[in-house]
Amino acid sequence: MGLPDARRVLLCLRYGIGDVIMELPVVETLRRMLPNARITGLGASPALELLENDPRIDMLAGIHIWGLHHWGDSGDSTVKTCIKHWIRQEEFDLILDPSHAVFAVRDAIWELDHPAVRDTPSPTTILMNGRGGVTAIKEAAAHGWGIEIRENLAPRLHLPPDAIDFAERFLVRHGMAGCRIAGISPVASSHLKQWPAERLAETSDHLTDNRDYRILQFCGPQESACRDVVRHMHRPERVLSVGSFHLSQVAALLSKCSFFIGNDTGLMHMASALDVPVIAIFGPTSPHLYLPENGAMAVTGIDIACPHRKIDSFGPSPCIIESRCLTADQGCITRAETGQVIAAIEQLAARLFFPLNS
């Protein structure tokens, strides 16, 4: 079946929050090409929360319904039988990107031998040619699906009205409505990707020394990391920590920030997809692959080429898998200094004309 003829489409989304955001230009192009098709996005929580009420996706299905909990979960024969039954029941006439699905879903789709499956090839060759991560995903999808994706099409998050209303009420309730707000986050998926809390605190103090700035600190479930930042600040009363809200609510709060400072995480991608200027601190992951391509700034303490850092393929580097730096006593992210981040803030302020001083 040709893609333009499809009426019931299953799109296997990438796994993590940042991964899903990076493929949003592909999702947007698919919606534009198939305005009347029913598109079902299959993925994992919490990333799926970002697509609830998004007009580009008609239906969402979570892998948790089959008891699957991580990307490498292979399930068993019973699980795969249930997945096959669901696919047949939904009568999909086109399945896209099974190679990005959780292993059990991927294997079930391949075993079905569905007549209309289109996959996205590995973007490794594209990345090796110097393209960034989002561009590589777009070019791989264009090749695998036979479609054209606009070169300047960037990830864009849809904010539902109830999430925007939540953010406005939240800021009013906490006395931050109308304030100049800087967003920060100390969280990361690995301690090797986590900039030291005391340095993020120093950076926040630099911002709160101007009384016109307040800090929204995005914590999610990693509340202890946020407490460490507040503990190191000399003006902790200027910080409001945001806990484990629905991701659409988190996104709406991010949209209220003048800029965002954090690690290489899903929050970095969320902020960028909301047109919030980003300063991201990188350690074992490559800015070439993951830094948003719309003017976000990367700060890194890397002064030597690390043989373990992935620069031409997605996925965790060996140090993250082993949860330890493989070349030194401390991870490379600890080499990023507070002064570098403050300098990046000043550069961003000058470039975008947002005020740092009263």
Protein backbone atom coordinates (compact mmCIF):
# COMPACT_ATOMS: atom_id res chain seq x y z
CA MET A 1 0.00 0.00 0.00
CA GLY A 2 1.24 3.51 -0.78
CA LEU A 3 1.48 5.84 2.19
CA PRO A 4 -1.03 8.38 0.75
CA ASP A 5 -3.67 5.61 0.55
CA ALA A 6 -3.42 4.59 4.22
CA ARG A 7 -6.47 5.05 6.41
CA ARG A 8 -5.53 3.28 9.67
CA VAL A 9 -1.89 3.91 10.57
CA LEU A 10 0.17 2.53 13.45
CA LEU A 11 3.19 4.71 14.21
CA CYS A 12 5.73 3.12 16.55
CA LEU A 13 7.12 6.07 18.47
CA ARG A 14 10.60 6.26 19.91
CA TYR A 15 10.93 5.48 23.61
CA GLY A 16 12.06 8.44 25.71
CA ILE A 17 10.72 11.97 26.12
CA GLY A 18 13.55 13.55 24.18
CA ASP A 19 13.38 10.88 21.49
CA VAL A 20 9.66 11.48 20.90
CA ILE A 21 10.18 15.24 20.70
CA MET A 22 13.02 14.85 18.23
CA GLU A 23 10.72 12.93 15.86
CA LEU A 24 7.84 15.44 16.04
CA PRO A 25 8.69 16.96 12.63
CA VAL A 26 8.16 13.48 11.18
CA VAL A 27 4.83 13.15 13.02
CA GLU A 28 3.75 16.58 11.78
CA THR A 29 4.62 15.72 8.20
CA LEU A 30 2.71 12.43 8.45
CA ARG A 31 -0.38 14.26 9.69
CA ARG A 32 -0.15 16.78 6.85
CA MET A 33 0.13 13.98 4.28
CA LEU A 34 -2.72 11.96 5.78
CA PRO A 35 -5.28 14.50 7.01
CA ASN A 36 -8.13 11.97 6.99
CA ALA A 37 -6.34 8.88 8.27
CA ARG A 38 -6.60 7.62 11.83
CA ILE A 39 -3.07 7.70 13.22
CA THR A 40 -2.34 5.69 16.35
CA GLY A 41 0.87 6.41 18.24
CA LEU A 42 2.30 3.46 20.16
CA GLY A 43 4.85 4.31 22.83
CA ALA A 44 5.77 4.48 26.48
CA SER A 45 4.85 6.64 29.43
CA PRO A 46 5.54 9.30 30.41
CA ALA A 47 6.50 10.43 26.88
CA LEU A 48 2.98 9.65 25.62
CA GLU A 49 1.59 12.33 27.94
CA LEU A 50 3.09 14.94 25.64
CA LEU A 51 0.86 13.78 22.79
CA GLU A 52 -2.45 13.64 24.64
CA ASN A 53 -4.91 15.99 22.90
CA ASP A 54 -2.34 16.65 20.18
CA PRO A 55 -4.16 17.09 16.84
CA ARG A 56 -1.35 15.29 15.00
CA ILE A 57 -2.21 11.96 16.68
CA ASP A 58 -5.72 10.51 16.83
CA MET A 59 -5.18 7.65 19.26
CA LEU A 60 -2.46 6.69 21.77
CA ALA A 61 -1.55 3.22 22.97
CA GLY A 62 0.91 2.50 25.77
CA ILE A 63 3.16 -0.54 25.98
CA HIS A 64 2.17 -0.92 29.64
CA ILE A 65 -1.11 -2.54 28.57
CA TRP A 66 0.96 -5.65 27.78
CA GLY A 67 3.06 -5.45 30.94
CA LEU A 68 6.08 -4.00 29.11
CA HIS A 69 8.18 -1.53 31.06
CA HIS A 70 11.37 -0.71 29.18
CA TRP A 71 12.71 -0.44 25.65
CA GLY A 72 14.55 -3.76 25.71
CA ASP A 73 11.62 -5.75 27.14
CA SER A 74 11.17 -8.83 24.94
CA GLY A 75 8.08 -10.12 26.70
CA ASP A 76 7.13 -13.76 26.13
CA SER A 77 5.01 -15.70 23.67
CA THR A 78 1.79 -14.80 25.50
CA VAL A 79 2.59 -11.09 25.37
CA LYS A 80 3.46 -11.23 21.69
CA THR A 81 0.24 -13.13 20.95
CA CYS A 82 -1.73 -10.33 22.67
CA ILE A 83 0.12 -7.70 20.64
CA LYS A 84 -0.61 -9.51 17.38
CA HIS A 85 -4.28 -9.83 18.34
CA TRP A 86 -4.47 -6.09 19.05
CA ILE A 87 -2.86 -5.20 15.71
CA ARG A 88 -5.28 -7.46 13.82
CA GLN A 89 -8.24 -6.10 15.79
CA GLU A 90 -7.30 -2.51 14.99
CA GLU A 91 -7.03 -3.40 11.28
CA PHE A 92 -4.02 -1.20 10.59
CA ASP A 93 -3.38 -0.93 6.88
CA LEU A 94 0.05 0.66 7.41
CA ILE A 95 2.63 0.12 10.17
CA LEU A 96 5.52 2.58 10.49
CA ASP A 97 8.86 2.19 12.27
CA PRO A 98 8.59 -1.15 14.11
CA SER A 99 12.37 -1.06 14.64
CA HIS A 100 11.83 1.81 17.10
CA ALA A 101 9.27 -0.12 19.14
CA VAL A 102 9.91 -2.03 22.34
CA PHE A 103 11.49 -5.37 21.44
CA ALA A 104 8.32 -7.39 22.12
CA VAL A 105 6.25 -5.13 19.84
CA ARG A 106 8.93 -5.08 17.16
CA ASP A 107 9.20 -8.87 17.15
CA ALA A 108 5.43 -9.35 17.12
CA ILE A 109 5.07 -7.07 14.10
CA TRP A 110 7.81 -8.84 12.20
CA GLU A 111 6.28 -12.24 13.01
CA LEU A 112 2.92 -11.04 11.68
CA ASP A 113 4.46 -10.48 8.26
CA HIS A 114 2.12 -7.53 7.75
CA PRO A 115 1.84 -6.61 4.05
CA ALA A 116 2.38 -2.87 4.60
CA VAL A 117 5.30 -2.11 6.90
CA ARG A 118 7.67 0.79 6.38
CA ASP A 119 10.70 1.24 8.57
CA THR A 120 13.13 4.06 9.13
CA PRO A 121 16.72 3.02 8.47
CA SER A 122 19.46 3.69 11.00
CA PRO A 123 20.54 7.35 10.87
CA THR A 124 24.17 6.43 11.57
CA THR A 125 25.41 7.25 8.06
CA ILE A 126 23.60 10.59 8.15
CA LEU A 127 25.09 11.42 11.55
CA MET A 128 28.54 10.46 10.31
CA ASN A 129 28.09 13.03 7.54
CA GLY A 130 27.83 15.78 10.15
CA ARG A 131 24.06 16.14 10.45
CA GLY A 132 22.46 16.73 13.83
CA GLY A 133 20.08 14.31 15.52
CA VAL A 134 16.77 15.87 14.47
CA THR A 135 17.96 16.31 10.90
CA ALA A 136 19.15 12.69 10.82
CA ILE A 137 15.75 11.44 12.02
CA LYS A 138 13.97 13.50 9.38
CA GLU A 139 16.23 12.34 6.57
CA ALA A 140 16.00 8.70 7.66
CA ALA A 141 12.19 8.88 7.72
CA ALA A 142 12.12 10.59 4.34
CA HIS A 143 14.20 7.76 2.92
CA GLY A 144 12.32 4.94 4.66
CA TRP A 145 8.81 6.24 4.08
CA GLY A 146 9.34 7.91 0.72
CA ILE A 147 8.13 11.31 1.90
CA GLU A 148 9.45 14.87 1.88
CA ILE A 149 10.03 16.65 5.19
CA ARG A 150 10.73 20.36 5.22
CA GLU A 151 14.35 21.09 6.06
CA ASN A 152 13.45 23.91 8.46
CA LEU A 153 10.67 21.99 10.24
CA ALA A 154 11.58 21.89 13.94
CA PRO A 155 10.04 19.95 16.85
CA ARG A 156 6.98 21.75 18.16
CA LEU A 157 4.92 20.81 21.22
CA HIS A 158 1.18 21.33 21.35
CA LEU A 159 -0.11 22.79 24.63
CA PRO A 160 -3.74 21.96 25.43
CA PRO A 161 -5.81 24.84 26.88
CA ASP A 162 -6.32 23.11 30.23
CA ALA A 163 -2.54 22.81 30.69
CA ILE A 164 -2.05 26.50 29.92
CA ASP A 165 -4.79 27.34 32.41
CA PHE A 166 -3.10 25.12 35.02
CA ALA A 167 0.23 26.92 34.58
CA GLU A 168 -1.35 30.36 34.90
CA ARG A 169 -3.24 29.38 38.05
CA PHE A 170 -0.10 27.72 39.48
CA LEU A 171 1.96 30.89 39.07
CA VAL A 172 -0.79 33.05 40.58
CA ARG A 173 -1.12 30.70 43.55
CA HIS A 174 2.61 30.89 44.24
CA GLY A 175 2.96 34.62 43.75
CA MET A 176 4.93 34.37 40.50
CA ALA A 177 2.43 35.75 38.01
CA GLY A 178 4.02 38.55 36.05
CA CYS A 179 7.51 37.75 37.36
CA ARG A 180 10.57 37.18 35.25
CA ILE A 181 11.14 33.46 35.52
CA ALA A 182 14.19 31.34 34.78
CA GLY A 183 13.70 27.58 34.54
CA ILE A 184 16.35 25.21 35.85
CA SER A 185 16.60 21.49 36.41
CA PRO A 186 19.25 19.29 38.05
CA VAL A 187 17.67 16.01 36.94
CA ALA A 188 19.19 13.51 34.54
CA SER A 189 18.77 9.87 33.60
CA SER A 190 22.29 9.11 34.85
CA HIS A 191 24.47 10.72 37.51
CA LEU A 192 27.12 11.04 34.79
CA LYS A 193 24.81 13.45 32.93
CA GLN A 194 24.09 15.49 36.05
CA TRP A 195 25.90 18.79 36.56
CA PRO A 196 26.92 19.24 40.24
CA ALA A 197 24.13 20.71 42.36
CA GLU A 198 26.35 23.36 43.93
CA ARG A 199 27.20 24.78 40.50
CA LEU A 200 23.58 24.97 39.44
CA ALA A 201 22.94 26.70 42.77
CA GLU A 202 25.71 29.21 42.07
CA THR A 203 24.20 29.89 38.67
CA SER A 204 20.75 30.36 40.20
CA ASP A 205 22.18 32.74 42.81
CA HIS A 206 23.67 34.76 39.99
CA LEU A 207 20.17 35.12 38.55
CA THR A 208 18.33 35.76 41.80
CA ASP A 209 20.75 38.53 42.82
CA ASN A 210 18.57 40.54 40.46
CA ARG A 211 15.34 40.71 42.47
CA ASP A 212 13.27 40.72 39.32
CA TYR A 213 14.10 37.05 38.66
CA ARG A 214 12.41 34.02 40.21
CA ILE A 215 13.43 30.41 39.65
CA LEU A 216 11.20 27.50 38.65
CA GLN A 217 13.08 24.31 39.40
CA PHE A 218 11.77 21.25 37.55
CA CYS A 219 12.23 18.10 39.64
CA GLY A 220 9.83 15.39 38.54
CA PRO A 221 10.37 12.38 40.80
CA GLN A 222 14.01 13.36 41.53
CA GLU A 223 13.15 15.60 44.47
CA SER A 224 16.39 14.89 46.34
CA ALA A 225 18.42 16.40 43.48
CA CYS A 226 16.32 19.57 43.72
CA ARG A 227 16.74 19.73 47.49
CA ASP A 228 20.51 19.62 46.99
CA VAL A 229 20.36 22.67 44.72
CA VAL A 230 18.20 24.64 47.16
CA ARG A 231 20.47 23.66 50.05
CA HIS A 232 23.47 25.25 48.31
CA MET A 233 21.70 28.52 47.45
CA HIS A 234 21.99 31.67 49.54
CA ARG A 235 18.53 32.86 48.41
CA PRO A 236 16.42 29.68 48.46
CA GLU A 237 13.23 31.69 48.95
CA ARG A 238 13.49 32.74 45.32
CA VAL A 239 13.12 29.13 44.13
CA LEU A 240 9.89 27.22 43.56
CA SER A 241 10.28 23.51 42.86
CA VAL A 242 7.91 21.75 40.46
CA GLY A 243 7.16 18.12 41.29
CA SER A 244 5.70 15.18 39.40
CA PHE A 245 2.94 16.76 37.35
CA HIS A 246 1.46 15.56 34.09
CA LEU A 247 3.96 16.33 31.34
CA SER A 248 1.57 18.67 29.55
CA GLN A 249 1.39 20.71 32.76
CA VAL A 250 5.17 20.67 33.07
CA ALA A 251 5.42 21.83 29.47
CA ALA A 252 2.99 24.68 30.13
CA LEU A 253 5.08 25.83 33.10
CA LEU A 254 8.23 25.61 31.00
CA SER A 255 6.59 27.85 28.41
CA LYS A 256 6.35 30.59 31.06
CA CYS A 257 10.14 30.71 31.51
CA SER A 258 12.37 33.32 29.87
CA PHE A 259 14.99 30.61 29.39
CA PHE A 260 15.90 27.14 30.66
CA ILE A 261 19.15 25.76 32.10
CA GLY A 262 19.58 22.03 32.54
CA ASN A 263 21.27 18.83 31.53
CA ASP A 264 20.84 16.75 28.38
CA THR A 265 17.35 15.49 29.22
CA GLY A 266 13.80 15.38 27.97
CA LEU A 267 13.19 18.73 29.70
CA MET A 268 15.82 20.31 27.47
CA HIS A 269 13.96 19.07 24.39
CA MET A 270 10.59 20.11 25.82
CA ALA A 271 11.76 23.67 26.47
CA SER A 272 13.23 24.00 23.01
CA ALA A 273 10.07 22.64 21.37
CA LEU A 274 8.17 25.41 23.19
CA ASP A 275 10.51 28.10 21.80
CA VAL A 276 12.07 28.66 25.21
CA PRO A 277 15.80 29.49 24.86
CA VAL A 278 17.94 26.65 26.20
CA ILE A 279 21.37 26.42 27.80
CA ALA A 280 22.27 22.75 28.18
CA ILE A 281 25.22 21.28 30.08
CA PHE A 282 26.65 18.22 28.37
CA GLY A 283 28.91 15.49 29.68
CA PRO A 284 29.10 11.97 28.25
CA THR A 285 26.55 12.61 25.50
CA SER A 286 27.24 14.55 22.33
CA PRO A 287 25.75 18.00 21.66
CA HIS A 288 26.16 17.18 17.98
CA LEU A 289 23.53 14.46 18.36
CA TYR A 290 21.19 15.82 20.99
CA LEU A 291 21.41 19.62 21.28
CA PRO A 292 18.22 21.14 19.80
CA GLU A 293 18.93 22.73 16.44
CA ASN A 294 17.02 25.99 16.90
CA GLY A 295 19.71 28.08 18.57
CA ALA A 296 20.09 26.25 21.89
CA MET A 297 23.49 26.70 23.51
CA ALA A 298 25.68 23.86 24.81
CA VAL A 299 28.12 24.15 27.69
CA THR A 300 30.64 21.38 28.07
CA GLY A 301 33.74 20.82 30.12
CA ILE A 302 35.17 18.40 27.60
CA ASP A 303 38.73 19.34 26.71
CA ILE A 304 39.83 16.06 25.17
CA ALA A 305 38.20 13.63 22.77
CA CYS A 306 36.71 10.74 24.73
CA PRO A 307 36.90 7.40 22.92
CA HIS A 308 33.71 6.26 24.64
CA ARG A 309 31.44 9.16 23.59
CA LYS A 310 28.99 8.28 20.83
CA ILE A 311 29.08 10.84 18.06
CA ASP A 312 27.56 8.98 15.11
CA SER A 313 24.80 6.82 16.60
CA PHE A 314 22.01 7.19 19.13
CA GLY A 315 21.92 5.36 22.43
CA PRO A 316 23.78 5.44 25.75
CA SER A 317 27.57 5.55 25.80
CA PRO A 318 29.46 2.71 27.52
CA CYS A 319 30.11 4.83 30.62
CA ILE A 320 26.39 5.39 31.13
CA ILE A 321 25.70 1.69 30.72
CA GLU A 322 28.35 0.86 33.32
CA SER A 323 27.38 3.88 35.49
CA ARG A 324 30.96 5.07 35.88
CA CYS A 325 33.44 7.19 34.01
CA LEU A 326 35.79 4.91 32.06
CA THR A 327 38.67 7.39 31.78
CA ALA A 328 38.85 9.36 35.06
CA ASP A 329 37.76 9.47 38.69
CA GLN A 330 34.98 11.94 37.93
CA GLY A 331 32.65 12.21 34.96
CA CYS A 332 33.39 14.79 32.27
CA ILE A 333 30.34 16.88 33.12
CA THR A 334 32.09 17.99 36.31
CA ARG A 335 34.57 19.89 34.11
CA ALA A 336 31.88 22.36 33.08
CA GLU A 337 32.38 25.44 35.26
CA THR A 338 29.79 27.83 36.64
CA GLY A 339 31.48 30.70 34.85
CA GLN A 340 30.90 29.00 31.50
CA VAL A 341 27.16 28.76 32.13
CA ILE A 342 26.93 32.34 33.38
CA ALA A 343 28.80 33.50 30.28
CA ALA A 344 26.32 31.55 28.13
CA ILE A 345 23.43 33.27 29.93
CA GLU A 346 24.94 36.67 29.16
CA GLN A 347 25.44 35.72 25.51
CA LEU A 348 21.88 34.47 25.28
CA ALA A 349 20.54 37.63 26.89
CA ALA A 350 22.45 39.80 24.44
CA ARG A 351 21.29 37.74 21.48
CA LEU A 352 17.64 37.55 22.42
CA PHE A 353 17.31 40.90 24.23
CA PHE A 354 15.71 39.55 27.37
CA PRO A 355 16.52 41.50 30.55
CA LEU A 356 18.92 40.24 33.21
CA ASN A 357 19.11 43.49 35.13
CA SER A 358 16.51 45.90 36.38
